[in-house]
Protein backbone atom coordinates (compact mmCIF):
# COMPACT_ATOMS: atom_id res chain seq x y z
CA MET A 1 0.15 -4.42 17.11
CA ILE A 2 -1.97 -1.52 15.85
CA THR A 3 -5.56 -0.80 16.76
CA LYS A 4 -7.83 1.82 15.20
CA ASN A 5 -11.49 2.06 16.05
CA ASP A 6 -12.50 2.70 12.44
CA ILE A 7 -10.53 -0.27 11.05
CA ASP A 8 -11.63 -3.88 11.58
CA ARG A 9 -13.89 -2.71 14.43
CA GLY A 10 -10.82 -2.01 16.52
CA LYS A 11 -9.34 -5.50 16.14
CA ALA A 12 -5.52 -5.43 16.35
CA PHE A 13 -3.28 -6.01 13.33
CA ASP A 14 0.45 -5.98 12.64
CA TRP A 15 1.98 -5.95 9.16
CA GLY A 16 5.19 -7.31 10.66
CA ARG A 17 3.43 -10.65 11.17
CA THR A 18 3.16 -11.17 7.42
CA SER A 19 6.36 -9.52 6.17
CA GLU A 20 7.80 -12.60 4.48
CA ASP A 21 4.58 -13.27 2.57
CA TYR A 22 4.22 -9.55 1.88
CA ALA A 23 7.69 -9.45 0.35
CA LYS A 24 6.92 -12.43 -1.86
CA PHE A 25 3.34 -11.77 -2.90
CA ARG A 26 2.39 -8.09 -2.53
CA ASP A 27 4.62 -6.72 -5.31
CA ILE A 28 1.71 -6.88 -7.76
CA TYR A 29 1.18 -3.41 -9.21
CA PRO A 30 1.44 -3.53 -13.02
CA ARG A 31 3.73 -1.20 -14.95
CA GLU A 32 0.77 1.04 -15.82
CA PHE A 33 0.38 1.90 -12.13
CA TYR A 34 3.91 3.30 -11.90
CA ASP A 35 3.76 4.95 -15.32
CA LYS A 36 0.74 6.95 -14.17
CA ILE A 37 2.83 8.37 -11.30
CA MET A 38 5.73 9.18 -13.61
CA VAL A 39 3.44 10.92 -16.11
CA LEU A 40 2.35 13.24 -13.30
CA GLY A 41 6.00 14.30 -13.03
CA LEU A 42 6.51 12.53 -9.71
CA CYS A 43 9.31 10.20 -8.53
CA VAL A 44 11.55 11.05 -11.48
CA LYS A 45 15.21 11.93 -11.88
CA GLY A 46 16.27 14.97 -9.91
CA GLN A 47 13.68 14.51 -7.18
CA LYS A 48 14.09 13.44 -3.57
CA VAL A 49 11.14 11.25 -2.59
CA LEU A 50 9.89 10.03 0.79
CA ASP A 51 7.64 6.96 0.60
CA LEU A 52 5.53 6.68 3.76
CA GLY A 53 4.20 3.27 4.79
CA THR A 54 6.69 1.79 2.36
CA GLY A 55 6.17 -1.78 3.58
CA THR A 56 8.72 -3.91 1.76
CA GLY A 57 9.73 -0.99 -0.44
CA VAL A 58 7.40 -1.92 -3.29
CA LEU A 59 6.98 1.60 -4.68
CA PRO A 60 10.62 2.79 -4.35
CA ARG A 61 11.98 -0.43 -5.83
CA ASN A 62 9.65 -0.38 -8.82
CA MET A 63 10.15 3.33 -9.50
CA TYR A 64 13.90 3.25 -8.94
CA LYS A 65 14.47 3.07 -12.71
CA TYR A 66 12.92 6.53 -13.14
CA GLY A 67 15.89 8.04 -11.35
CA ALA A 68 14.57 9.64 -8.15
CA GLU A 69 16.45 9.46 -4.84
CA PHE A 70 14.22 7.46 -2.49
CA THR A 71 13.79 7.15 1.26
CA GLY A 72 11.24 4.63 2.55
CA ALA A 73 9.67 4.73 6.01
CA ASP A 74 7.47 2.14 7.68
CA ILE A 75 6.25 1.55 11.22
CA SER A 76 7.21 -2.14 11.08
CA GLU A 77 10.84 -3.17 11.63
CA ASN A 78 10.07 -6.50 9.91
CA GLN A 79 8.80 -4.74 6.80
CA ILE A 80 11.88 -2.51 6.68
CA GLU A 81 14.13 -5.56 7.06
CA GLN A 82 12.52 -7.12 3.99
CA ALA A 83 12.71 -3.83 2.07
CA ARG A 84 16.45 -3.57 2.72
CA ARG A 85 17.01 -7.18 1.70
CA LEU A 86 15.08 -6.89 -1.57
CA SER A 87 16.74 -3.58 -2.47
CA ALA A 88 20.22 -4.96 -1.77
CA GLU A 89 19.52 -8.03 -3.89
CA SER A 90 18.75 -5.71 -6.82
CA ASP A 91 21.69 -3.36 -6.12
CA MET A 92 19.36 -0.45 -5.40
CA ASN A 93 20.59 2.42 -3.25
CA ILE A 94 17.45 3.19 -1.23
CA ASP A 95 17.46 4.48 2.34
CA TYR A 96 14.97 2.94 4.76
CA ILE A 97 13.95 3.92 8.26
CA ALA A 98 11.58 2.30 10.76
CA ALA A 99 9.18 5.12 11.62
CA SER A 100 5.48 5.83 11.32
CA ALA A 101 4.15 8.64 9.15
CA GLU A 102 3.46 10.58 12.33
CA THR A 103 7.02 10.26 13.71
CA VAL A 104 9.29 10.65 10.67
CA ASP A 105 11.78 13.40 11.40
CA PHE A 106 13.42 15.36 8.58
CA PRO A 107 14.44 18.98 8.18
CA ASP A 108 12.05 21.40 6.53
CA ASN A 109 12.12 21.45 2.71
CA SER A 110 13.79 18.04 2.44
CA PHE A 111 11.70 16.38 -0.29
CA ASP A 112 10.23 17.16 -3.70
CA THR A 113 7.60 14.44 -3.38
CA VAL A 114 6.03 12.40 -0.59
CA THR A 115 4.10 9.26 -1.52
CA ALA A 116 1.70 7.11 0.47
CA CYS A 117 0.66 3.92 -1.29
CA GLN A 118 -2.00 1.69 0.27
CA CYS A 119 -1.44 3.17 3.73
CA TYR A 120 -3.19 6.55 3.92
CA VAL A 121 -6.13 5.03 5.81
CA TYR A 122 -3.84 4.37 8.81
CA PHE A 123 -2.55 7.93 9.18
CA ASP A 124 -3.46 10.42 11.89
CA LYS A 125 -4.34 13.18 9.43
CA ASP A 126 -4.20 15.95 12.05
CA ILE A 127 -0.49 15.21 12.50
CA VAL A 128 0.57 13.99 9.07
CA PHE A 129 -0.56 16.86 6.83
CA ASN A 130 1.27 19.47 8.88
CA LYS A 131 4.39 17.31 9.02
CA ILE A 132 4.42 16.62 5.27
CA HIS A 133 3.82 20.28 4.48
CA LYS A 134 6.97 21.19 6.44
CA ILE A 135 9.27 18.57 4.94
CA LEU A 136 8.15 19.24 1.35
CA LYS A 137 9.92 21.84 -0.74
CA ASP A 138 7.92 24.75 -2.15
CA SER A 139 5.29 23.46 -4.59
CA GLY A 140 6.19 19.89 -3.62
CA ASN A 141 3.69 17.08 -4.02
CA PHE A 142 2.00 14.65 -1.65
CA CYS A 143 0.68 11.74 -3.71
CA ILE A 144 -1.83 9.32 -2.14
CA LEU A 145 -2.35 6.02 -3.98
CA PHE A 146 -4.66 3.05 -3.55
CA MET A 147 -5.45 -0.10 -5.54
CA SER A 148 -7.97 -2.86 -4.90
CA TRP A 149 -9.74 -5.70 -6.68
CA LEU A 150 -13.40 -5.37 -7.63
CA ILE A 151 -15.55 -8.22 -6.34
CA GLU A 152 -18.51 -7.17 -8.50
CA GLU A 153 -16.42 -7.93 -11.59
CA SER A 154 -14.46 -10.93 -10.28
CA GLU A 155 -15.99 -14.13 -8.93
CA ILE A 156 -12.53 -15.21 -7.76
CA ALA A 157 -12.05 -12.07 -5.67
CA ARG A 158 -15.57 -12.37 -4.28
CA ARG A 159 -15.11 -15.99 -3.21
CA SER A 160 -11.74 -15.25 -1.64
CA GLU A 161 -13.17 -12.31 0.30
CA GLU A 162 -15.97 -14.51 1.60
CA LEU A 163 -13.40 -16.93 3.01
CA VAL A 164 -11.48 -14.14 4.72
CA LEU A 165 -14.70 -12.89 6.31
CA LYS A 166 -15.59 -16.41 7.41
CA TYR A 167 -12.50 -16.50 9.63
CA ASN A 168 -12.24 -12.76 10.36
CA PRO A 169 -15.71 -11.16 10.22
CA HIS A 170 -14.29 -7.89 11.62
CA TRP A 171 -12.12 -7.33 8.52
CA SER A 172 -13.34 -4.05 7.04
CA ALA A 173 -11.28 -3.91 3.81
CA HIS A 174 -13.83 -5.85 1.77
CA SER A 175 -16.36 -5.06 -0.97
CA MET A 176 -14.31 -2.15 -2.30
CA LYS A 177 -15.84 -0.02 -5.04
CA ARG A 178 -14.31 2.57 -7.31
CA PHE A 179 -13.86 5.97 -5.69
CA THR A 180 -11.97 9.22 -5.97
CA TYR A 181 -10.53 10.79 -2.84
CA ASP A 182 -12.26 13.74 -1.25
CA PHE A 183 -10.08 16.72 -0.44
CA PRO A 184 -9.04 16.20 3.20
CA GLU A 185 -10.17 18.93 5.56
CA GLN A 186 -6.82 18.66 7.38
CA ALA A 187 -5.10 19.74 4.14
CA GLN A 188 -7.03 23.01 3.99
CA GLY A 189 -4.66 25.94 3.73
CA LEU A 190 -1.68 23.63 3.26
CA PHE A 191 -2.31 21.92 -0.08
CA GLU A 192 -4.33 22.20 -3.26
CA VAL A 193 -5.50 19.41 -5.56
CA ALA A 194 -3.16 18.96 -8.51
CA ASP A 195 -4.65 15.68 -9.78
CA SER A 196 -7.46 13.37 -8.70
CA PHE A 197 -8.69 10.40 -10.73
CA CYS A 198 -9.62 6.73 -10.69
CA TYR A 199 -8.93 4.15 -13.40
CA ASP A 200 -9.23 0.41 -13.99
CA LEU A 201 -6.34 -1.98 -14.51
CA SER A 202 -6.01 -5.72 -14.84
CA VAL A 203 -3.61 -7.66 -12.62
CA ALA A 204 -2.31 -11.12 -13.56
CA PHE A 205 -2.04 -13.91 -10.98
CA THR A 206 -1.16 -17.56 -10.73
CA ARG A 207 -2.97 -19.78 -8.25
CA GLU A 208 0.04 -19.51 -5.92
CA SER A 209 0.41 -15.75 -6.19
CA TRP A 210 -3.30 -15.10 -5.63
CA HIS A 211 -3.33 -17.30 -2.55
CA GLY A 212 -0.23 -15.51 -1.28
CA ARG A 213 -1.76 -12.12 -2.00
CA MET A 214 -4.84 -13.01 0.04
CA LYS A 215 -2.81 -14.51 2.89
CA ALA A 216 -0.73 -11.34 3.11
CA CYS A 217 -3.78 -9.12 3.55
CA ARG A 218 -4.78 -7.40 6.79
CA GLY A 219 -7.66 -9.81 7.27
CA ILE A 220 -5.43 -12.90 7.51
CA GLY A 221 -1.64 -12.64 7.73
CA ALA A 222 -1.49 -9.23 9.42
CA SER A 223 -4.45 -9.93 11.69
CA SER A 224 -4.47 -11.14 15.26
CA LEU A 225 -5.91 -14.50 14.22
CA SER A 226 -4.21 -17.48 15.85
CA LYS A 227 -1.85 -19.75 13.91
CA GLU A 228 -4.55 -22.43 14.01
CA GLU A 229 -7.16 -20.07 12.54
CA ILE A 230 -4.80 -18.94 9.79
CA ALA A 231 -3.94 -22.56 8.97
CA ALA A 232 -7.64 -23.45 8.74
CA TRP A 233 -8.28 -20.51 6.41
CA GLU A 234 -5.26 -21.44 4.33
CA LYS A 235 -6.40 -25.04 3.91
CA GLU A 236 -9.83 -23.96 2.73
CA HIS A 237 -8.53 -21.20 0.47
CA ILE A 238 -5.98 -23.49 -1.18
CA GLU A 239 -8.76 -25.99 -1.91
CA TYR A 240 -10.69 -23.23 -3.65
CA VAL A 241 -7.67 -21.82 -5.52
CA ASN A 242 -6.76 -25.27 -6.81
CA SER A 243 -10.11 -25.36 -8.61
CA LEU A 244 -9.09 -22.32 -10.68
CA PRO A 245 -7.07 -22.11 -13.90
CA GLU A 246 -3.32 -21.90 -13.35
CA MET A 247 -3.27 -18.27 -14.53
CA PHE A 248 -5.96 -15.61 -14.51
CA ASP A 249 -6.50 -11.85 -14.41
CA ILE A 250 -8.43 -9.92 -11.76
CA LEU A 251 -9.83 -6.49 -12.49
CA HIS A 252 -8.69 -3.80 -10.05
CA PHE A 253 -9.17 -0.07 -9.79
CA ALA A 254 -6.60 2.49 -8.71
CA SER A 255 -7.29 5.89 -7.18
CA ILE A 256 -4.78 8.74 -7.06
CA LEU A 257 -4.95 12.03 -5.18
CA ASN A 258 -1.99 14.29 -5.87
CA LEU A 259 -1.81 17.32 -3.60
CA ARG A 260 0.49 20.27 -4.19
CA LYS A 261 1.95 22.31 -1.35
CA ILE A 262 0.80 25.91 -1.24
């Protein structure tokens, strides 16, 4: 279990608890999301890429077609197990290691690009920026990515968030609004901003996939809620989801900060 005072008011969470649901329902980024990364010249053929907080290998598996050589690292053994399974099923040659961003151990100048998708908030920045600077090649890139739904533009997302907060009022990943990343003070003297922007994108769901996406969030599946509490949330959320159309889109935003080693 992980605890951070600035996340969920210090309530413990563990992504390994929801790895099976994560593998099934969190592979939701549309093609546009990956194309944006490729257009920046990242994760393409000829590059060696380290994906931190890789989870079930969502980013390496979806960008595999662009030709980069990927290594994925995640703190959760369960997540890595799912990543290896999904990659093997698709005949993808991706290396995975169970290690946190703070403890990955590679020689200096090992990678052209390091990515961190949906996980930057968990990093100890005082450790991670120095480590990434060392393992990146000269002028290498550290790309930080985030995507979230917008409750102000989606009644479905708003209602689902309310149900998560009903059972887990300490969950802090709610009510997200569009943002661009500030330049991290820990990156001073190590990196410069190459790209920083935010854009909207629509994500398609079925009733089942939206319920699964919500269950696999930190507020429910990865939380320290009891099995009985999760089951009660699930019953109520399924009742709500069954009132929706079979298919629907939910507006999200994505934010990208691409830092270049100096």
